[in-house]
Amino acid sequence: MKKKGWGRISNIASAHALVASPFKSAYVSAKHGLAGLTKTIALELAEDGVTANAICPGYVLTPLVRKQIPEQAKARGISEEAVMRDVLLAAQPTKEFVEVSQIAALTAFLCSDDAASITGAVLPIDGGWTAH
């Protein structure tokens, strides 16, 4: 990228790169670390035409999350709908999962020439979670 004088780095972090949640110390630490790495890379490559940004999604209905829903429902003695609404999406004011297509669209924009001045950003795409 440096040789070419152009490049785009889009790290996928998490809303947990911006805020913490209890009982997730390893995950939150890793995501905060990715945010710091992104900012450092952005500073180091700023004059080389390379940008680096971190995208921080809230809950996305991935296969991993889908698997956790019935497990959480059983463990908590509540319905799967209640797990989604009151556990997973409790912190997201929109009460909607972030769509993979939304993350892809943001990534594509950050990789475009129109985003040449966006670097070192840690961007939430989290239904308002980190606005609290």
Protein backbone atom coordinates (compact mmCIF):
# COMPACT_ATOMS: atom_id res chain seq x y z
CA MET A 1 0.00 0.00 0.00
CA LYS A 2 2.80 2.39 0.86
CA LYS A 3 4.59 1.61 -2.41
CA LYS A 4 1.41 2.24 -4.39
CA GLY A 5 0.63 5.40 -2.43
CA TRP A 6 -2.92 4.22 -1.87
CA GLY A 7 -4.70 1.79 0.39
CA ARG A 8 -7.65 1.23 2.65
CA ILE A 9 -7.69 -0.71 5.91
CA SER A 10 -11.11 -1.37 7.42
CA ASN A 11 -10.96 -3.27 10.69
CA ILE A 12 -14.18 -4.78 11.99
CA ALA A 13 -14.26 -4.21 15.74
CA SER A 14 -17.45 -3.97 17.80
CA ALA A 15 -19.45 -1.49 19.83
CA HIS A 16 -17.31 -2.97 22.60
CA ALA A 17 -14.34 -1.07 21.12
CA LEU A 18 -16.12 2.04 22.43
CA VAL A 19 -17.97 0.88 25.55
CA ALA A 20 -17.60 -1.92 28.05
CA SER A 21 -20.03 -4.54 29.30
CA PRO A 22 -19.68 -6.63 32.42
CA PHE A 23 -18.35 -10.19 32.20
CA LYS A 24 -16.70 -9.60 28.83
CA SER A 25 -13.25 -8.42 29.88
CA ALA A 26 -11.26 -10.39 27.30
CA TYR A 27 -13.57 -9.45 24.42
CA VAL A 28 -13.77 -5.77 25.40
CA SER A 29 -10.00 -5.59 25.87
CA ALA A 30 -9.41 -7.10 22.43
CA LYS A 31 -11.81 -4.68 20.76
CA HIS A 32 -10.34 -1.65 22.55
CA GLY A 33 -6.93 -2.88 21.41
CA LEU A 34 -8.14 -3.05 17.80
CA ALA A 35 -9.38 0.53 18.06
CA GLY A 36 -5.98 1.65 19.32
CA LEU A 37 -4.16 -0.31 16.62
CA THR A 38 -6.38 1.29 13.97
CA LYS A 39 -5.60 4.80 15.20
CA THR A 40 -1.88 4.08 15.38
CA ILE A 41 -1.80 2.67 11.85
CA ALA A 42 -3.77 5.67 10.60
CA LEU A 43 -1.18 8.05 12.05
CA GLU A 44 1.73 6.04 10.70
CA LEU A 45 0.32 5.85 7.16
CA ALA A 46 -1.38 9.25 6.93
CA GLU A 47 1.15 10.69 4.48
CA ASP A 48 1.25 7.56 2.33
CA GLY A 49 -2.29 7.69 0.93
CA VAL A 50 -3.40 4.84 3.17
CA THR A 51 -6.38 5.16 5.50
CA ALA A 52 -7.23 2.95 8.46
CA ASN A 53 -10.58 2.89 10.20
CA ALA A 54 -12.47 0.60 12.57
CA ILE A 55 -16.12 -0.26 12.08
CA CYS A 56 -17.93 -0.98 15.34
CA PRO A 57 -21.18 -2.86 14.88
CA GLY A 58 -23.67 -3.51 17.60
CA TYR A 59 -25.45 -6.85 17.64
CA VAL A 60 -25.67 -8.54 14.24
CA LEU A 61 -27.84 -11.62 13.82
CA THR A 62 -24.94 -13.90 12.86
CA PRO A 63 -24.96 -17.69 13.18
CA LEU A 64 -23.06 -17.32 16.49
CA VAL A 65 -25.67 -14.92 17.89
CA ARG A 66 -28.53 -17.12 16.61
CA LYS A 67 -26.98 -20.05 18.50
CA GLN A 68 -26.81 -18.01 21.71
CA ILE A 69 -30.48 -17.04 21.70
CA PRO A 70 -31.99 -20.43 22.69
CA GLU A 71 -29.14 -21.01 25.15
CA GLN A 72 -29.81 -17.65 26.82
CA ALA A 73 -33.56 -18.27 26.83
CA LYS A 74 -33.07 -21.58 28.64
CA ALA A 75 -30.51 -20.17 31.09
CA ARG A 76 -32.70 -17.16 31.94
CA GLY A 77 -36.07 -18.91 31.82
CA ILE A 78 -37.46 -16.46 29.27
CA SER A 79 -38.62 -16.68 25.66
CA GLU A 80 -36.27 -16.33 22.72
CA GLU A 81 -38.11 -13.14 21.76
CA ALA A 82 -37.41 -11.74 25.24
CA VAL A 83 -33.73 -12.64 24.88
CA MET A 84 -33.52 -10.68 21.64
CA ARG A 85 -35.50 -7.70 22.94
CA ASP A 86 -34.45 -7.51 26.60
CA VAL A 87 -30.95 -8.96 26.56
CA LEU A 88 -29.26 -8.60 23.19
CA LEU A 89 -30.97 -5.46 21.92
CA ALA A 90 -31.48 -3.80 25.31
CA ALA A 91 -28.60 -1.38 24.71
CA GLN A 92 -29.51 -0.62 21.08
CA PRO A 93 -32.18 2.12 21.07
CA THR A 94 -33.46 1.07 17.64
CA LYS A 95 -34.17 -2.42 19.04
CA GLU A 96 -33.07 -3.82 15.69
CA PHE A 97 -30.09 -5.94 14.74
CA VAL A 98 -27.47 -4.33 12.54
CA GLU A 99 -27.65 -5.83 9.05
CA VAL A 100 -24.58 -7.35 7.41
CA SER A 101 -25.44 -5.33 4.30
CA GLN A 102 -25.20 -2.11 6.33
CA ILE A 103 -21.71 -3.01 7.51
CA ALA A 104 -20.74 -3.94 3.94
CA ALA A 105 -22.01 -0.59 2.63
CA LEU A 106 -20.03 1.35 5.23
CA THR A 107 -16.94 -0.71 4.45
CA ALA A 108 -17.33 -0.09 0.71
CA PHE A 109 -17.66 3.65 1.32
CA LEU A 110 -14.54 3.71 3.51
CA CYS A 111 -12.67 1.95 0.70
CA SER A 112 -13.72 4.56 -1.84
CA ASP A 113 -11.87 7.68 -2.94
CA ASP A 114 -14.68 9.75 -1.36
CA ALA A 115 -13.46 8.58 2.06
CA ALA A 116 -9.84 9.65 1.52
CA SER A 117 -10.00 12.08 4.46
CA ILE A 118 -11.53 9.60 6.89
CA THR A 119 -8.71 7.92 8.76
CA GLY A 120 -8.19 6.93 12.36
CA ALA A 121 -11.95 6.84 12.88
CA VAL A 122 -13.66 4.34 15.13
CA LEU A 123 -17.14 4.34 13.65
CA PRO A 124 -20.18 2.94 15.46
CA ILE A 125 -22.90 1.28 13.42
CA ASP A 126 -24.86 0.09 16.42
CA GLY A 127 -28.44 1.33 16.42
CA GLY A 128 -27.48 4.08 18.87
CA TRP A 129 -25.88 1.80 21.51
CA THR A 130 -22.82 4.00 22.06
CA ALA A 131 -24.86 7.20 22.09
CA HIS A 132 -25.79 6.53 25.74
